[in-house]
Amino acid sequence: MAVGKKILTVDEISRIIEMAWEDRTPFEAIESSYGLNEAEVIRLMRQEMKLSSFKIWRARVSGRKTKHLAKRGFIFGRHVCPTQRNR
């Protein structure tokens, strides 16, 4: 799939969707990892998801402070449990 000028693999699309759903993963992290800005992530989500799922996601992230680095009230990302393994 092509988004903007970049062609994404199925695995990359899956990971971007996963990151977009995570509350504490800012759009800037997706941009630094995959080169997609917020508008491109929204476009990708609209293309890849059912309309009802997209609407739920969009309502969830709209105005959410944790999805934008500039709006965050904290410096560090998230707590990682000592038993959690890196993937």
PDB file of N, CA and C in Angstrom:
ATOM      1  N   MET A   1       0.842  -1.190   0.000  1.00  0.00           N
ATOM      2  CA  MET A   1       0.000   0.000   0.000  1.00  0.00           C
ATOM      3  C   MET A   1       0.876   1.237   0.000  1.00  0.00           C
ATOM      4  N   ALA A   2       0.503   2.221  -0.742  1.00  0.00           N
ATOM      5  CA  ALA A   2       1.258   3.467  -0.805  1.00  0.00           C
ATOM      6  C   ALA A   2       0.539   4.540   0.009  1.00  0.00           C
ATOM      7  N   VAL A   3       1.278   5.193   0.878  1.00  0.00           N
ATOM      8  CA  VAL A   3       0.778   6.326   1.647  1.00  0.00           C
ATOM      9  C   VAL A   3       1.746   7.462   1.397  1.00  0.00           C
ATOM     10  N   GLY A   4       1.224   8.555   0.838  1.00  0.00           N
ATOM     11  CA  GLY A   4       2.135   9.626   0.467  1.00  0.00           C
ATOM     12  C   GLY A   4       3.076   9.108  -0.605  1.00  0.00           C
ATOM     13  N   LYS A   5       4.361   9.164  -0.367  1.00  0.00           N
ATOM     14  CA  LYS A   5       5.362   8.685  -1.311  1.00  0.00           C
ATOM     15  C   LYS A   5       5.977   7.371  -0.865  1.00  0.00           C
ATOM     16  N   LYS A   6       5.550   6.846   0.281  1.00  0.00           N
ATOM     17  CA  LYS A   6       6.147   5.638   0.840  1.00  0.00           C
ATOM     18  C   LYS A   6       5.239   4.439   0.627  1.00  0.00           C
ATOM     19  N   ILE A   7       5.834   3.321   0.240  1.00  0.00           N
ATOM     20  CA  ILE A   7       5.094   2.075   0.098  1.00  0.00           C
ATOM     21  C   ILE A   7       5.319   1.274   1.379  1.00  0.00           C
ATOM     22  N   LEU A   8       4.216   0.872   2.001  1.00  0.00           N
ATOM     23  CA  LEU A   8       4.274   0.169   3.275  1.00  0.00           C
ATOM     24  C   LEU A   8       3.959  -1.310   3.091  1.00  0.00           C
ATOM     25  N   THR A   9       4.638  -2.133   3.874  1.00  0.00           N
ATOM     26  CA  THR A   9       4.346  -3.563   3.875  1.00  0.00           C
ATOM     27  C   THR A   9       3.130  -3.822   4.751  1.00  0.00           C
ATOM     28  N   VAL A  10       2.587  -5.014   4.658  1.00  0.00           N
ATOM     29  CA  VAL A  10       1.448  -5.409   5.494  1.00  0.00           C
ATOM     30  C   VAL A  10       1.835  -5.343   6.967  1.00  0.00           C
ATOM     31  N   ASP A  11       3.047  -5.779   7.297  1.00  0.00           N
ATOM     32  CA  ASP A  11       3.513  -5.736   8.691  1.00  0.00           C
ATOM     33  C   ASP A  11       3.642  -4.303   9.190  1.00  0.00           C
ATOM     34  N   GLU A  12       4.140  -3.406   8.355  1.00  0.00           N
ATOM     35  CA  GLU A  12       4.268  -1.998   8.755  1.00  0.00           C
ATOM     36  C   GLU A  12       2.895  -1.376   8.975  1.00  0.00           C
ATOM     37  N   ILE A  13       1.958  -1.657   8.094  1.00  0.00           N
ATOM     38  CA  ILE A  13       0.600  -1.136   8.254  1.00  0.00           C
ATOM     39  C   ILE A  13      -0.005  -1.641   9.558  1.00  0.00           C
ATOM     40  N   SER A  14       0.175  -2.915   9.839  1.00  0.00           N
ATOM     41  CA  SER A  14      -0.343  -3.502  11.073  1.00  0.00           C
ATOM     42  C   SER A  14       0.258  -2.812  12.300  1.00  0.00           C
ATOM     43  N   ARG A  15       1.554  -2.578  12.283  1.00  0.00           N
ATOM     44  CA  ARG A  15       2.222  -1.929  13.422  1.00  0.00           C
ATOM     45  C   ARG A  15       1.773  -0.481  13.573  1.00  0.00           C
ATOM     46  N   ILE A  16       1.599   0.231  12.468  1.00  0.00           N
ATOM     47  CA  ILE A  16       1.132   1.618  12.536  1.00  0.00           C
ATOM     48  C   ILE A  16      -0.261   1.675  13.148  1.00  0.00           C
ATOM     49  N   ILE A  17      -1.132   0.765  12.731  1.00  0.00           N
ATOM     50  CA  ILE A  17      -2.492   0.719  13.298  1.00  0.00           C
ATOM     51  C   ILE A  17      -2.426   0.429  14.792  1.00  0.00           C
ATOM     52  N   GLU A  18      -1.581  -0.506  15.170  1.00  0.00           N
ATOM     53  CA  GLU A  18      -1.408  -0.830  16.591  1.00  0.00           C
ATOM     54  C   GLU A  18      -0.919   0.392  17.368  1.00  0.00           C
ATOM     55  N   MET A  19       0.074   1.087  16.832  1.00  0.00           N
ATOM     56  CA  MET A  19       0.606   2.277  17.507  1.00  0.00           C
ATOM     57  C   MET A  19      -0.443   3.385  17.580  1.00  0.00           C
ATOM     58  N   ALA A  20      -1.248   3.528  16.546  1.00  0.00           N
ATOM     59  CA  ALA A  20      -2.283   4.564  16.528  1.00  0.00           C
ATOM     60  C   ALA A  20      -3.355   4.296  17.584  1.00  0.00           C
ATOM     61  N   TRP A  21      -3.651   3.033  17.861  1.00  0.00           N
ATOM     62  CA  TRP A  21      -4.636   2.680  18.874  1.00  0.00           C
ATOM     63  C   TRP A  21      -4.109   2.862  20.291  1.00  0.00           C
ATOM     64  N   GLU A  22      -2.782   2.771  20.473  1.00  0.00           N
ATOM     65  CA  GLU A  22      -2.202   2.891  21.812  1.00  0.00           C
ATOM     66  C   GLU A  22      -2.367   4.316  22.326  1.00  0.00           C
ATOM     67  N   ASP A  23      -2.845   4.452  23.541  1.00  0.00           N
ATOM     68  CA  ASP A  23      -3.096   5.778  24.109  1.00  0.00           C
ATOM     69  C   ASP A  23      -1.827   6.612  24.271  1.00  0.00           C
ATOM     70  N   ARG A  24      -0.757   5.993  24.664  1.00  0.00           N
ATOM     71  CA  ARG A  24       0.437   6.755  24.995  1.00  0.00           C
ATOM     72  C   ARG A  24       1.470   6.820  23.879  1.00  0.00           C
ATOM     73  N   THR A  25       1.137   6.350  22.704  1.00  0.00           N
ATOM     74  CA  THR A  25       2.052   6.462  21.572  1.00  0.00           C
ATOM     75  C   THR A  25       1.665   7.698  20.774  1.00  0.00           C
ATOM     76  N   PRO A  26       2.489   8.741  20.799  1.00  0.00           N
ATOM     77  CA  PRO A  26       2.144   9.973  20.089  1.00  0.00           C
ATOM     78  C   PRO A  26       2.302   9.808  18.575  1.00  0.00           C
ATOM     79  N   PHE A  27       1.593  10.647  17.836  1.00  0.00           N
ATOM     80  CA  PHE A  27       1.711  10.635  16.385  1.00  0.00           C
ATOM     81  C   PHE A  27       3.155  10.915  15.954  1.00  0.00           C
ATOM     82  N   GLU A  28       3.870  11.686  16.747  1.00  0.00           N
ATOM     83  CA  GLU A  28       5.269  11.991  16.419  1.00  0.00           C
ATOM     84  C   GLU A  28       6.137  10.730  16.417  1.00  0.00           C
ATOM     85  N   ALA A  29       5.815   9.773  17.277  1.00  0.00           N
ATOM     86  CA  ALA A  29       6.568   8.509  17.299  1.00  0.00           C
ATOM     87  C   ALA A  29       6.320   7.715  16.019  1.00  0.00           C
ATOM     88  N   ILE A  30       5.086   7.730  15.545  1.00  0.00           N
ATOM     89  CA  ILE A  30       4.767   7.060  14.286  1.00  0.00           C
ATOM     90  C   ILE A  30       5.498   7.755  13.138  1.00  0.00           C
ATOM     91  N   GLU A  31       5.522   9.072  13.188  1.00  0.00           N
ATOM     92  CA  GLU A  31       6.208   9.820  12.129  1.00  0.00           C
ATOM     93  C   GLU A  31       7.707   9.538  12.116  1.00  0.00           C
ATOM     94  N   SER A  32       8.317   9.485  13.290  1.00  0.00           N
ATOM     95  CA  SER A  32       9.758   9.223  13.322  1.00  0.00           C
ATOM     96  C   SER A  32      10.084   7.786  12.917  1.00  0.00           C
ATOM     97  N   SER A  33       9.177   6.844  13.184  1.00  0.00           N
ATOM     98  CA  SER A  33       9.422   5.451  12.842  1.00  0.00           C
ATOM     99  C   SER A  33       9.073   5.110  11.395  1.00  0.00           C
ATOM    100  N   TYR A  34       7.994   5.699  10.899  1.00  0.00           N
ATOM    101  CA  TYR A  34       7.481   5.299   9.587  1.00  0.00           C
ATOM    102  C   TYR A  34       7.362   6.454   8.584  1.00  0.00           C
ATOM    103  N   GLY A  35       7.625   7.679   9.018  1.00  0.00           N
ATOM    104  CA  GLY A  35       7.581   8.809   8.103  1.00  0.00           C
ATOM    105  C   GLY A  35       6.183   9.290   7.751  1.00  0.00           C
ATOM    106  N   LEU A  36       5.180   8.919   8.553  1.00  0.00           N
ATOM    107  CA  LEU A  36       3.807   9.351   8.301  1.00  0.00           C
ATOM    108  C   LEU A  36       3.406  10.396   9.332  1.00  0.00           C
ATOM    109  N   ASN A  37       2.934  11.548   8.860  1.00  0.00           N
ATOM    110  CA  ASN A  37       2.473  12.562   9.807  1.00  0.00           C
ATOM    111  C   ASN A  37       1.052  12.217  10.262  1.00  0.00           C
ATOM    112  N   GLU A  38       0.495  13.023  11.130  1.00  0.00           N
ATOM    113  CA  GLU A  38      -0.819  12.725  11.707  1.00  0.00           C
ATOM    114  C   GLU A  38      -1.894  12.589  10.630  1.00  0.00           C
ATOM    115  N   ALA A  39      -1.913  13.484   9.665  1.00  0.00           N
ATOM    116  CA  ALA A  39      -2.924  13.426   8.601  1.00  0.00           C
ATOM    117  C   ALA A  39      -2.795  12.139   7.790  1.00  0.00           C
ATOM    118  N   GLU A  40      -1.584  11.705   7.533  1.00  0.00           N
ATOM    119  CA  GLU A  40      -1.369  10.460   6.786  1.00  0.00           C
ATOM    120  C   GLU A  40      -1.782   9.236   7.599  1.00  0.00           C
ATOM    121  N   VAL A  41      -1.553   9.280   8.920  1.00  0.00           N
ATOM    122  CA  VAL A  41      -1.996   8.186   9.789  1.00  0.00           C
ATOM    123  C   VAL A  41      -3.524   8.122   9.780  1.00  0.00           C
ATOM    124  N   ILE A  42      -4.173   9.252   9.853  1.00  0.00           N
ATOM    125  CA  ILE A  42      -5.639   9.291   9.822  1.00  0.00           C
ATOM    126  C   ILE A  42      -6.139   8.721   8.498  1.00  0.00           C
ATOM    127  N   ARG A  43      -5.494   9.098   7.395  1.00  0.00           N
ATOM    128  CA  ARG A  43      -5.872   8.585   6.079  1.00  0.00           C
ATOM    129  C   ARG A  43      -5.694   7.062   6.019  1.00  0.00           C
ATOM    130  N   LEU A  44      -4.578   6.582   6.552  1.00  0.00           N
ATOM    131  CA  LEU A  44      -4.317   5.139   6.581  1.00  0.00           C
ATOM    132  C   LEU A  44      -5.373   4.408   7.403  1.00  0.00           C
ATOM    133  N   MET A  45      -5.692   4.956   8.567  1.00  0.00           N
ATOM    134  CA  MET A  45      -6.692   4.333   9.429  1.00  0.00           C
ATOM    135  C   MET A  45      -8.050   4.289   8.724  1.00  0.00           C
ATOM    136  N   ARG A  46      -8.397   5.348   8.036  1.00  0.00           N
ATOM    137  CA  ARG A  46      -9.675   5.399   7.317  1.00  0.00           C
ATOM    138  C   ARG A  46      -9.727   4.324   6.219  1.00  0.00           C
ATOM    139  N   GLN A  47      -8.604   4.128   5.528  1.00  0.00           N
ATOM    140  CA  GLN A  47      -8.544   3.148   4.437  1.00  0.00           C
ATOM    141  C   GLN A  47      -8.547   1.715   4.939  1.00  0.00           C
ATOM    142  N   GLU A  48      -7.903   1.468   6.064  1.00  0.00           N
ATOM    143  CA  GLU A  48      -7.672   0.102   6.516  1.00  0.00           C
ATOM    144  C   GLU A  48      -8.727  -0.442   7.472  1.00  0.00           C
ATOM    145  N   MET A  49      -9.532   0.430   8.039  1.00  0.00           N
ATOM    146  CA  MET A  49     -10.489  -0.008   9.050  1.00  0.00           C
ATOM    147  C   MET A  49     -11.917   0.074   8.525  1.00  0.00           C
ATOM    148  N   LYS A  50     -12.811  -0.691   9.163  1.00  0.00           N
ATOM    149  CA  LYS A  50     -14.237  -0.530   8.888  1.00  0.00           C
ATOM    150  C   LYS A  50     -14.620   0.878   9.343  1.00  0.00           C
ATOM    151  N   LEU A  51     -15.649   1.434   8.724  1.00  0.00           N
ATOM    152  CA  LEU A  51     -16.082   2.786   9.048  1.00  0.00           C
ATOM    153  C   LEU A  51     -16.422   2.932  10.527  1.00  0.00           C
ATOM    154  N   SER A  52     -17.118   1.958  11.101  1.00  0.00           N
ATOM    155  CA  SER A  52     -17.507   2.050  12.513  1.00  0.00           C
ATOM    156  C   SER A  52     -16.272   2.039  13.419  1.00  0.00           C
ATOM    157  N   SER A  53     -15.284   1.214  13.089  1.00  0.00           N
ATOM    158  CA  SER A  53     -14.053   1.163  13.882  1.00  0.00           C
ATOM    159  C   SER A  53     -13.270   2.459  13.749  1.00  0.00           C
ATOM    160  N   PHE A  54     -13.238   2.995  12.539  1.00  0.00           N
ATOM    161  CA  PHE A  54     -12.544   4.262  12.327  1.00  0.00           C
ATOM    162  C   PHE A  54     -13.195   5.369  13.152  1.00  0.00           C
ATOM    163  N   LYS A  55     -14.503   5.428  13.166  1.00  0.00           N
ATOM    164  CA  LYS A  55     -15.204   6.472  13.931  1.00  0.00           C
ATOM    165  C   LYS A  55     -14.910   6.346  15.423  1.00  0.00           C
ATOM    166  N   ILE A  56     -14.886   5.118  15.934  1.00  0.00           N
ATOM    167  CA  ILE A  56     -14.559   4.896  17.347  1.00  0.00           C
ATOM    168  C   ILE A  56     -13.138   5.363  17.633  1.00  0.00           C
ATOM    169  N   TRP A  57     -12.188   4.976  16.766  1.00  0.00           N
ATOM    170  CA  TRP A  57     -10.793   5.379  16.948  1.00  0.00           C
ATOM    171  C   TRP A  57     -10.652   6.897  16.878  1.00  0.00           C
ATOM    172  N   ARG A  58     -11.291   7.505  15.896  1.00  0.00           N
ATOM    173  CA  ARG A  58     -11.169   8.950  15.699  1.00  0.00           C
ATOM    174  C   ARG A  58     -11.717   9.707  16.907  1.00  0.00           C
ATOM    175  N   ALA A  59     -12.848   9.267  17.427  1.00  0.00           N
ATOM    176  CA  ALA A  59     -13.421   9.908  18.612  1.00  0.00           C
ATOM    177  C   ALA A  59     -12.494   9.738  19.808  1.00  0.00           C
ATOM    178  N   ARG A  60     -11.844   8.595  19.879  1.00  0.00           N
ATOM    179  CA  ARG A  60     -10.945   8.289  20.993  1.00  0.00           C
ATOM    180  C   ARG A  60      -9.706   9.174  20.986  1.00  0.00           C
ATOM    181  N   VAL A  61      -9.103   9.403  19.815  1.00  0.00           N
ATOM    182  CA  VAL A  61      -7.840  10.143  19.766  1.00  0.00           C
ATOM    183  C   VAL A  61      -8.010  11.643  19.577  1.00  0.00           C
ATOM    184  N   SER A  62      -9.180  12.076  19.163  1.00  0.00           N
ATOM    185  CA  SER A  62      -9.395  13.514  18.948  1.00  0.00           C
ATOM    186  C   SER A  62      -9.250  14.271  20.260  1.00  0.00           C
ATOM    187  N   GLY A  63      -8.305  15.158  20.306  1.00  0.00           N
ATOM    188  CA  GLY A  63      -8.074  15.974  21.487  1.00  0.00           C
ATOM    189  C   GLY A  63      -7.352  15.276  22.624  1.00  0.00           C
ATOM    190  N   ARG A  64      -6.961  14.025  22.445  1.00  0.00           N
ATOM    191  CA  ARG A  64      -6.274  13.278  23.500  1.00  0.00           C
ATOM    192  C   ARG A  64      -4.859  13.842  23.662  1.00  0.00           C
ATOM    193  N   LYS A  65      -4.538  14.303  24.846  1.00  0.00           N
ATOM    194  CA  LYS A  65      -3.237  14.915  25.099  1.00  0.00           C
ATOM    195  C   LYS A  65      -2.076  13.959  24.874  1.00  0.00           C
ATOM    196  N   THR A  66      -2.252  12.699  25.187  1.00  0.00           N
ATOM    197  CA  THR A  66      -1.138  11.754  25.092  1.00  0.00           C
ATOM    198  C   THR A  66      -0.776  11.418  23.654  1.00  0.00           C
ATOM    199  N   LYS A  67      -1.619  11.766  22.686  1.00  0.00           N
ATOM    200  CA  LYS A  67      -1.316  11.460  21.292  1.00  0.00           C
ATOM    201  C   LYS A  67      -0.487  12.565  20.635  1.00  0.00           C
ATOM    202  N   HIS A  68      -0.216  13.647  21.366  1.00  0.00           N
ATOM    203  CA  HIS A  68       0.572  14.762  20.830  1.00  0.00           C
ATOM    204  C   HIS A  68       1.633  15.164  21.850  1.00  0.00           C
ATOM    205  N   LEU A  69       2.884  15.096  21.453  1.00  0.00           N
ATOM    206  CA  LEU A  69       3.983  15.403  22.384  1.00  0.00           C
ATOM    207  C   LEU A  69       3.859  16.792  22.989  1.00  0.00           C
ATOM    208  N   ALA A  70       3.459  17.774  22.202  1.00  0.00           N
ATOM    209  CA  ALA A  70       3.384  19.145  22.694  1.00  0.00           C
ATOM    210  C   ALA A  70       2.318  19.326  23.775  1.00  0.00           C
ATOM    211  N   LYS A  71       1.318  18.471  23.801  1.00  0.00           N
ATOM    212  CA  LYS A  71       0.225  18.584  24.775  1.00  0.00           C
ATOM    213  C   LYS A  71       0.427  17.729  26.011  1.00  0.00           C
ATOM    214  N   ARG A  72       1.453  16.878  26.009  1.00  0.00           N
ATOM    215  CA  ARG A  72       1.662  15.959  27.128  1.00  0.00           C
ATOM    216  C   ARG A  72       2.057  16.696  28.394  1.00  0.00           C
ATOM    217  N   GLY A  73       1.603  16.183  29.517  1.00  0.00           N
ATOM    218  CA  GLY A  73       1.946  16.752  30.798  1.00  0.00           C
ATOM    219  C   GLY A  73       3.085  15.998  31.473  1.00  0.00           C
ATOM    220  N   PHE A  74       3.716  15.075  30.749  1.00  0.00           N
ATOM    221  CA  PHE A  74       4.795  14.281  31.326  1.00  0.00           C
ATOM    222  C   PHE A  74       5.907  14.143  30.295  1.00  0.00           C
ATOM    223  N   ILE A  75       7.095  13.788  30.771  1.00  0.00           N
ATOM    224  CA  ILE A  75       8.256  13.710  29.890  1.00  0.00           C
ATOM    225  C   ILE A  75       8.426  12.317  29.307  1.00  0.00           C
ATOM    226  N   PHE A  76       8.328  11.303  30.148  1.00  0.00           N
ATOM    227  CA  PHE A  76       8.590   9.939  29.713  1.00  0.00           C
ATOM    228  C   PHE A  76       7.327   9.282  29.177  1.00  0.00           C
ATOM    229  N   GLY A  77       7.508   8.305  28.298  1.00  0.00           N
ATOM    230  CA  GLY A  77       6.398   7.651  27.611  1.00  0.00           C
ATOM    231  C   GLY A  77       5.510   6.823  28.496  1.00  0.00           C
ATOM    232  N   ARG A  78       5.937   5.614  28.839  1.00  0.00           N
ATOM    233  CA  ARG A  78       5.053   4.733  29.578  1.00  0.00           C
ATOM    234  C   ARG A  78       5.857   3.853  30.502  1.00  0.00           C
ATOM    235  N   HIS A  79       5.175   3.283  31.453  1.00  0.00           N
ATOM    236  CA  HIS A  79       5.806   2.357  32.381  1.00  0.00           C
ATOM    237  C   HIS A  79       5.908   0.991  31.702  1.00  0.00           C
ATOM    238  N   VAL A  80       7.029   0.343  31.847  1.00  0.00           N
ATOM    239  CA  VAL A  80       7.207  -1.007  31.323  1.00  0.00           C
ATOM    240  C   VAL A  80       7.449  -1.944  32.494  1.00  0.00           C
ATOM    241  N   CYS A  81       6.631  -2.950  32.598  1.00  0.00           N
ATOM    242  CA  CYS A  81       6.752  -3.929  33.653  1.00  0.00           C
ATOM    243  C   CYS A  81       8.069  -4.688  33.496  1.00  0.00           C
ATOM    244  N   PRO A  82       8.779  -4.965  34.588  1.00  0.00           N
ATOM    245  CA  PRO A  82      10.054  -5.695  34.500  1.00  0.00           C
ATOM    246  C   PRO A  82       9.942  -7.063  33.836  1.00  0.00           C
ATOM    247  N   THR A  83       8.738  -7.652  33.874  1.00  0.00           N
ATOM    248  CA  THR A  83       8.567  -8.969  33.270  1.00  0.00           C
ATOM    249  C   THR A  83       8.191  -8.891  31.783  1.00  0.00           C
ATOM    250  N   GLN A  84       7.940  -7.672  31.328  1.00  0.00           N
ATOM    251  CA  GLN A  84       7.576  -7.503  29.908  1.00  0.00           C
ATOM    252  C   GLN A  84       8.830  -7.644  29.038  1.00  0.00           C
ATOM    253  N   ARG A  85       8.737  -8.406  28.002  1.00  0.00           N
ATOM    254  CA  ARG A  85       9.870  -8.624  27.111  1.00  0.00           C
ATOM    255  C   ARG A  85       9.804  -7.692  25.914  1.00  0.00           C
ATOM    256  N   ASN A  86      10.970  -7.299  25.410  1.00  0.00           N
ATOM    257  CA  ASN A  86      11.013  -6.523  24.168  1.00  0.00           C
ATOM    258  C   ASN A  86      10.641  -7.426  23.017  1.00  0.00           C
ATOM    259  N   ARG A  87       9.894  -6.914  22.108  1.00  0.00           N
ATOM    260  CA  ARG A  87       9.484  -7.724  20.950  1.00  0.00           C
ATOM    261  C   ARG A  87      10.441  -7.563  19.820  1.00  0.00           C
TER     262      ARG A  87
END
